[in-house]
């Protein structure tokens, strides 16, 4: 997994986003066992406590489950994964609209840009 940690957002929130994206895209399959906190923290270059905080958030969201004997696994609830996918898509769309507003484009002008871009 490629980790791209930025300075503009809390690290744990970025870890949640990265792992959520890995679940949505199938990098971590439904029902699959996840690497340990220490393994993922070392891979991402972050403190294990920060990775633990990210996992706690993913558990609250229901995307990850902790089982005493099996460690952490990805949920096998396809509907929950789809809802997470829709949340990420909505956040991306909102970020796009905000960027267009900052550039001075209204909704119609931004849509026109998108339509012109489709042809390229």
C-alpha atoms as a PDB file:
ATOM      1  CA  UNK A   1       0.000   0.000   0.000  1.00  0.00           C
ATOM      2  CA  UNK A   2       1.285   3.455  -0.877  1.00  0.00           C
ATOM      3  CA  UNK A   3       1.042   5.890   2.025  1.00  0.00           C
ATOM      4  CA  UNK A   4       0.954   9.608   1.277  1.00  0.00           C
ATOM      5  CA  UNK A   5       0.820  11.460   4.579  1.00  0.00           C
ATOM      6  CA  UNK A   6       0.240  15.194   4.198  1.00  0.00           C
ATOM      7  CA  UNK A   7       0.757  17.967   6.713  1.00  0.00           C
ATOM      8  CA  UNK A   8      -2.670  19.552   6.132  1.00  0.00           C
ATOM      9  CA  UNK A   9      -4.766  17.014   8.064  1.00  0.00           C
ATOM     10  CA  UNK A  10      -4.447  14.854  11.195  1.00  0.00           C
ATOM     11  CA  UNK A  11      -2.351  11.759  10.517  1.00  0.00           C
ATOM     12  CA  UNK A  12      -4.873   9.332  12.039  1.00  0.00           C
ATOM     13  CA  UNK A  13      -7.634  10.721   9.784  1.00  0.00           C
ATOM     14  CA  UNK A  14      -5.419  10.202   6.735  1.00  0.00           C
ATOM     15  CA  UNK A  15      -4.712   6.631   7.859  1.00  0.00           C
ATOM     16  CA  UNK A  16      -8.455   6.001   8.183  1.00  0.00           C
ATOM     17  CA  UNK A  17      -8.946   7.343   4.660  1.00  0.00           C
ATOM     18  CA  UNK A  18      -6.110   5.212   3.226  1.00  0.00           C
ATOM     19  CA  UNK A  19      -7.341   2.012   4.864  1.00  0.00           C
ATOM     20  CA  UNK A  20     -10.958   2.748   3.932  1.00  0.00           C
ATOM     21  CA  UNK A  21      -9.874   3.237   0.333  1.00  0.00           C
ATOM     22  CA  UNK A  22      -7.930  -0.045   0.457  1.00  0.00           C
ATOM     23  CA  UNK A  23     -11.085  -1.803   1.680  1.00  0.00           C
ATOM     24  CA  UNK A  24     -13.300  -0.162  -0.947  1.00  0.00           C
ATOM     25  CA  UNK A  25     -10.940  -1.017  -3.799  1.00  0.00           C
ATOM     26  CA  UNK A  26     -10.494  -4.611  -2.638  1.00  0.00           C
ATOM     27  CA  UNK A  27      -6.864  -4.312  -1.623  1.00  0.00           C
ATOM     28  CA  UNK A  28      -8.171  -5.597   1.714  1.00  0.00           C
ATOM     29  CA  UNK A  29     -10.958  -8.024   0.787  1.00  0.00           C
ATOM     30  CA  UNK A  30     -14.194  -8.385   2.774  1.00  0.00           C
ATOM     31  CA  UNK A  31     -13.584 -10.784   5.650  1.00  0.00           C
ATOM     32  CA  UNK A  32      -9.802 -10.694   5.194  1.00  0.00           C
ATOM     33  CA  UNK A  33      -7.433 -10.528   8.123  1.00  0.00           C
ATOM     34  CA  UNK A  34      -5.602  -7.204   8.328  1.00  0.00           C
ATOM     35  CA  UNK A  35      -1.906  -6.780   9.060  1.00  0.00           C
ATOM     36  CA  UNK A  36      -1.088  -5.917  12.660  1.00  0.00           C
ATOM     37  CA  UNK A  37      -1.040  -2.377  13.977  1.00  0.00           C
ATOM     38  CA  UNK A  38       2.747  -2.526  14.256  1.00  0.00           C
ATOM     39  CA  UNK A  39       3.165  -3.819  10.692  1.00  0.00           C
ATOM     40  CA  UNK A  40       0.951  -1.145   9.178  1.00  0.00           C
ATOM     41  CA  UNK A  41       2.481   1.591  11.358  1.00  0.00           C
ATOM     42  CA  UNK A  42       5.975   0.610  10.240  1.00  0.00           C
ATOM     43  CA  UNK A  43       4.842   0.468   6.611  1.00  0.00           C
ATOM     44  CA  UNK A  44       3.241   3.927   6.851  1.00  0.00           C
ATOM     45  CA  UNK A  45       6.084   5.387   8.906  1.00  0.00           C
ATOM     46  CA  UNK A  46       3.826   6.449  11.765  1.00  0.00           C
ATOM     47  CA  UNK A  47       3.624   5.819  15.487  1.00  0.00           C
ATOM     48  CA  UNK A  48       1.753   2.581  16.374  1.00  0.00           C
ATOM     49  CA  UNK A  49      -0.491   4.578  18.740  1.00  0.00           C
ATOM     50  CA  UNK A  50      -1.592   6.716  15.799  1.00  0.00           C
ATOM     51  CA  UNK A  51      -2.374   3.600  13.752  1.00  0.00           C
ATOM     52  CA  UNK A  52      -4.276   2.182  16.742  1.00  0.00           C
ATOM     53  CA  UNK A  53      -6.377   5.358  16.842  1.00  0.00           C
ATOM     54  CA  UNK A  54      -7.139   4.930  13.131  1.00  0.00           C
ATOM     55  CA  UNK A  55      -8.213   1.324  13.715  1.00  0.00           C
ATOM     56  CA  UNK A  56     -10.474   2.418  16.577  1.00  0.00           C
ATOM     57  CA  UNK A  57     -12.169   4.837  14.169  1.00  0.00           C
ATOM     58  CA  UNK A  58     -12.533   2.127  11.515  1.00  0.00           C
ATOM     59  CA  UNK A  59     -14.108  -0.154  14.128  1.00  0.00           C
ATOM     60  CA  UNK A  60     -16.583   2.583  15.102  1.00  0.00           C
ATOM     61  CA  UNK A  61     -17.455   2.917  11.411  1.00  0.00           C
ATOM     62  CA  UNK A  62     -17.978  -0.847  11.241  1.00  0.00           C
ATOM     63  CA  UNK A  63     -15.444  -1.410   8.463  1.00  0.00           C
ATOM     64  CA  UNK A  64     -13.066  -3.348  10.715  1.00  0.00           C
ATOM     65  CA  UNK A  65     -13.832  -5.908  13.405  1.00  0.00           C
ATOM     66  CA  UNK A  66     -11.595  -7.162  16.185  1.00  0.00           C
ATOM     67  CA  UNK A  67     -11.812 -10.820  17.090  1.00  0.00           C
ATOM     68  CA  UNK A  68      -9.810 -12.158  20.007  1.00  0.00           C
ATOM     69  CA  UNK A  69      -8.358 -15.140  18.186  1.00  0.00           C
ATOM     70  CA  UNK A  70      -8.277 -13.853  14.601  1.00  0.00           C
ATOM     71  CA  UNK A  71      -7.050 -10.295  15.108  1.00  0.00           C
ATOM     72  CA  UNK A  72      -8.612  -7.567  13.018  1.00  0.00           C
ATOM     73  CA  UNK A  73     -10.623  -8.372   9.928  1.00  0.00           C
ATOM     74  CA  UNK A  74     -12.426  -6.365   7.279  1.00  0.00           C
ATOM     75  CA  UNK A  75     -16.205  -6.453   7.533  1.00  0.00           C
ATOM     76  CA  UNK A  76     -17.940  -8.752   5.099  1.00  0.00           C
ATOM     77  CA  UNK A  77     -20.973  -6.432   5.017  1.00  0.00           C
ATOM     78  CA  UNK A  78     -21.050  -5.297   1.370  1.00  0.00           C
ATOM     79  CA  UNK A  79     -23.675  -2.631   2.112  1.00  0.00           C
ATOM     80  CA  UNK A  80     -21.453  -1.055   4.782  1.00  0.00           C
ATOM     81  CA  UNK A  81     -18.522  -0.989   2.358  1.00  0.00           C
ATOM     82  CA  UNK A  82     -20.725   0.585  -0.317  1.00  0.00           C
ATOM     83  CA  UNK A  83     -21.839   3.292   2.147  1.00  0.00           C
ATOM     84  CA  UNK A  84     -18.191   4.050   2.917  1.00  0.00           C
ATOM     85  CA  UNK A  85     -17.521   4.282  -0.817  1.00  0.00           C
ATOM     86  CA  UNK A  86     -20.401   6.732  -1.232  1.00  0.00           C
ATOM     87  CA  UNK A  87     -19.134   8.841   1.704  1.00  0.00           C
ATOM     88  CA  UNK A  88     -15.669   9.108   0.134  1.00  0.00           C
ATOM     89  CA  UNK A  89     -17.181   9.958  -3.242  1.00  0.00           C
ATOM     90  CA  UNK A  90     -19.357  12.664  -1.681  1.00  0.00           C
ATOM     91  CA  UNK A  91     -16.340  14.152   0.108  1.00  0.00           C
ATOM     92  CA  UNK A  92     -14.379  14.192  -3.168  1.00  0.00           C
ATOM     93  CA  UNK A  93     -17.236  15.898  -4.970  1.00  0.00           C
ATOM     94  CA  UNK A  94     -17.560  18.497  -2.226  1.00  0.00           C
ATOM     95  CA  UNK A  95     -13.804  19.167  -2.374  1.00  0.00           C
ATOM     96  CA  UNK A  96     -14.101  19.635  -6.146  1.00  0.00           C
ATOM     97  CA  UNK A  97     -16.966  22.132  -5.814  1.00  0.00           C
ATOM     98  CA  UNK A  98     -15.079  24.039  -3.137  1.00  0.00           C
ATOM     99  CA  UNK A  99     -11.973  24.218  -5.345  1.00  0.00           C
ATOM    100  CA  UNK A 100     -14.068  25.494  -8.252  1.00  0.00           C
ATOM    101  CA  UNK A 101     -15.662  28.171  -6.011  1.00  0.00           C
ATOM    102  CA  UNK A 102     -12.204  29.325  -4.896  1.00  0.00           C
ATOM    103  CA  UNK A 103     -11.166  29.577  -8.538  1.00  0.00           C
ATOM    104  CA  UNK A 104     -14.192  31.755  -9.224  1.00  0.00           C
ATOM    105  CA  UNK A 105     -16.322  29.249 -11.118  1.00  0.00           C
ATOM    106  CA  UNK A 106     -20.017  28.881 -10.412  1.00  0.00           C
ATOM    107  CA  UNK A 107     -21.705  25.494 -10.733  1.00  0.00           C
ATOM    108  CA  UNK A 108     -22.675  25.941 -14.414  1.00  0.00           C
ATOM    109  CA  UNK A 109     -19.185  27.060 -15.427  1.00  0.00           C
ATOM    110  CA  UNK A 110     -17.600  24.157 -13.540  1.00  0.00           C
ATOM    111  CA  UNK A 111     -19.972  21.695 -15.229  1.00  0.00           C
ATOM    112  CA  UNK A 112     -19.078  23.201 -18.616  1.00  0.00           C
ATOM    113  CA  UNK A 113     -15.393  22.639 -17.818  1.00  0.00           C
ATOM    114  CA  UNK A 114     -16.127  19.012 -16.968  1.00  0.00           C
ATOM    115  CA  UNK A 115     -18.074  18.481 -20.178  1.00  0.00           C
ATOM    116  CA  UNK A 116     -15.290  20.011 -22.269  1.00  0.00           C
ATOM    117  CA  UNK A 117     -12.759  17.840 -20.451  1.00  0.00           C
ATOM    118  CA  UNK A 118     -14.690  14.643 -21.300  1.00  0.00           C
ATOM    119  CA  UNK A 119     -13.967  15.195 -24.993  1.00  0.00           C
ATOM    120  CA  UNK A 120     -10.192  15.398 -24.428  1.00  0.00           C
END
